[in-house]
N, C-alpha and C. Protein backbone atom coordinates (compact mmCIF):
# COMPACT_ATOMS: atom_id res chain seq x y z
N UNK A 1 150.51 90.65 88.69
CA UNK A 1 151.87 90.90 88.48
C UNK A 1 152.27 90.05 87.32
N UNK A 2 152.36 90.76 86.17
CA UNK A 2 152.69 90.03 84.93
C UNK A 2 154.18 90.15 84.67
N UNK A 3 154.82 89.10 84.24
CA UNK A 3 156.21 89.15 83.86
C UNK A 3 156.34 88.79 82.40
N UNK A 4 156.40 89.88 81.54
CA UNK A 4 156.49 89.65 80.14
C UNK A 4 157.91 89.30 79.74
N UNK A 5 158.89 90.15 80.07
CA UNK A 5 160.31 89.88 79.72
C UNK A 5 161.16 90.21 80.89
N UNK A 6 161.31 89.19 81.77
CA UNK A 6 162.10 89.36 83.00
C UNK A 6 163.51 89.64 82.66
N UNK A 7 164.17 90.66 83.28
CA UNK A 7 165.53 90.95 83.14
C UNK A 7 166.36 89.92 83.84
N UNK A 8 167.62 89.75 83.55
CA UNK A 8 168.52 88.83 84.32
C UNK A 8 168.63 89.36 85.70
N UNK A 9 168.45 88.39 86.66
CA UNK A 9 168.40 88.69 88.11
C UNK A 9 167.34 89.70 88.44
N UNK A 10 166.18 89.64 87.74
CA UNK A 10 165.09 90.57 88.03
C UNK A 10 164.39 90.34 89.33
N UNK A 11 164.00 89.02 89.56
CA UNK A 11 163.32 88.74 90.81
C UNK A 11 164.26 89.10 92.04
N UNK A 12 165.51 88.84 91.85
CA UNK A 12 166.42 89.08 93.08
C UNK A 12 166.45 90.62 93.29
N UNK A 13 166.52 91.41 92.26
CA UNK A 13 166.51 92.93 92.41
C UNK A 13 165.23 93.38 93.08
N UNK A 14 164.06 92.78 92.49
CA UNK A 14 162.79 93.18 93.09
C UNK A 14 162.71 92.74 94.62
N UNK A 15 163.26 91.59 94.87
CA UNK A 15 163.24 91.09 96.33
C UNK A 15 164.09 92.01 97.18
N UNK A 16 165.24 92.41 96.69
CA UNK A 16 166.10 93.33 97.40
C UNK A 16 165.44 94.69 97.60
N UNK A 17 164.74 95.18 96.54
CA UNK A 17 164.08 96.47 96.63
C UNK A 17 162.92 96.42 97.72
N UNK A 18 162.19 95.31 97.60
CA UNK A 18 161.12 95.14 98.61
C UNK A 18 161.62 94.99 99.95
N UNK A 19 162.75 94.22 100.25
CA UNK A 19 163.32 94.13 101.50
C UNK A 19 163.84 95.48 102.03
N UNK A 20 164.40 96.27 101.14
CA UNK A 20 164.87 97.55 101.54
C UNK A 20 163.74 98.49 102.00
N UNK A 21 162.65 98.41 101.21
CA UNK A 21 161.46 99.23 101.65
C UNK A 21 160.91 98.84 102.98
N UNK A 22 160.82 97.46 103.20
CA UNK A 22 160.35 97.00 104.52
C UNK A 22 161.30 97.40 105.57
N UNK A 23 162.59 97.38 105.33
CA UNK A 23 163.57 97.84 106.32
C UNK A 23 163.43 99.23 106.71
N UNK A 24 163.25 100.11 105.61
CA UNK A 24 163.06 101.64 105.88
C UNK A 24 161.80 101.80 106.66
N UNK A 25 160.69 101.10 106.28
CA UNK A 25 159.48 101.30 106.91
C UNK A 25 159.57 100.95 108.42
N UNK A 26 160.23 99.82 108.72
CA UNK A 26 160.43 99.40 110.07
C UNK A 26 161.21 100.43 110.86
N UNK A 27 162.32 100.94 110.26
CA UNK A 27 163.14 101.91 110.98
C UNK A 27 162.29 103.20 111.24
N UNK A 28 161.51 103.65 110.28
CA UNK A 28 160.71 104.85 110.50
C UNK A 28 159.62 104.61 111.49
N UNK A 29 159.03 103.47 111.46
CA UNK A 29 157.95 103.17 112.40
C UNK A 29 158.56 103.11 113.90
N UNK A 30 159.74 102.46 114.03
CA UNK A 30 160.31 102.44 115.32
C UNK A 30 160.74 103.87 115.81
N UNK A 31 161.24 104.62 114.91
CA UNK A 31 161.68 105.97 115.29
C UNK A 31 160.42 106.81 115.75
N UNK A 32 159.34 106.71 114.95
CA UNK A 32 158.16 107.46 115.37
C UNK A 32 157.51 106.90 116.64
N UNK A 33 157.58 105.64 116.88
CA UNK A 33 157.07 105.03 118.09
C UNK A 33 157.93 105.45 119.29
N UNK A 34 159.21 105.56 119.11
CA UNK A 34 160.11 105.89 120.24
C UNK A 34 159.92 107.41 120.57
N UNK A 35 159.76 108.25 119.50
CA UNK A 35 159.66 109.69 119.71
C UNK A 35 158.23 109.94 120.39
N UNK A 36 157.18 109.30 119.89
CA UNK A 36 155.84 109.56 120.44
C UNK A 36 155.73 108.93 121.84
N UNK A 37 156.35 107.81 122.05
CA UNK A 37 156.30 107.22 123.38
C UNK A 37 157.11 108.10 124.37
N UNK A 38 158.23 108.64 124.01
CA UNK A 38 159.02 109.59 124.90
C UNK A 38 158.12 110.83 125.23
N UNK A 39 157.44 111.40 124.15
CA UNK A 39 156.60 112.59 124.36
C UNK A 39 155.50 112.25 125.27
N UNK A 40 154.90 111.05 125.02
CA UNK A 40 153.74 110.60 125.87
C UNK A 40 154.21 110.49 127.29
N UNK A 41 155.27 109.91 127.54
CA UNK A 41 155.78 109.74 128.92
C UNK A 41 156.12 111.10 129.57
N UNK A 42 156.78 111.95 128.83
CA UNK A 42 157.14 113.25 129.34
C UNK A 42 155.87 114.06 129.62
N UNK A 43 154.93 114.05 128.76
CA UNK A 43 153.75 114.97 128.88
C UNK A 43 152.70 114.46 129.88
N UNK A 44 152.51 113.20 129.98
CA UNK A 44 151.40 112.60 130.74
C UNK A 44 151.74 111.95 132.01
N UNK A 45 153.07 112.04 132.42
CA UNK A 45 153.39 111.48 133.75
C UNK A 45 153.80 112.64 134.64
N UNK A 46 153.50 112.64 135.90
CA UNK A 46 153.85 113.67 136.74
C UNK A 46 155.44 113.66 136.99
N UNK A 47 155.89 114.93 136.95
CA UNK A 47 157.43 114.91 137.11
C UNK A 47 157.81 114.74 138.60
N UNK A 48 158.93 114.08 138.74
CA UNK A 48 159.37 113.83 140.18
C UNK A 48 160.60 114.66 140.41
N UNK A 49 160.68 115.26 141.57
CA UNK A 49 161.79 116.09 141.93
C UNK A 49 161.70 117.49 141.27
């Protein structure tokens, strides 16, 4: 990671961008896990009633 000419508040912007990416990835992962968990429970557990 070379920094030849850092813009003013460059590291802060990069940190915000990285934090936003991590947040989006976490939200997507939680959504996928909840969806697949719900499907798994509905498909592979015997229905009652």
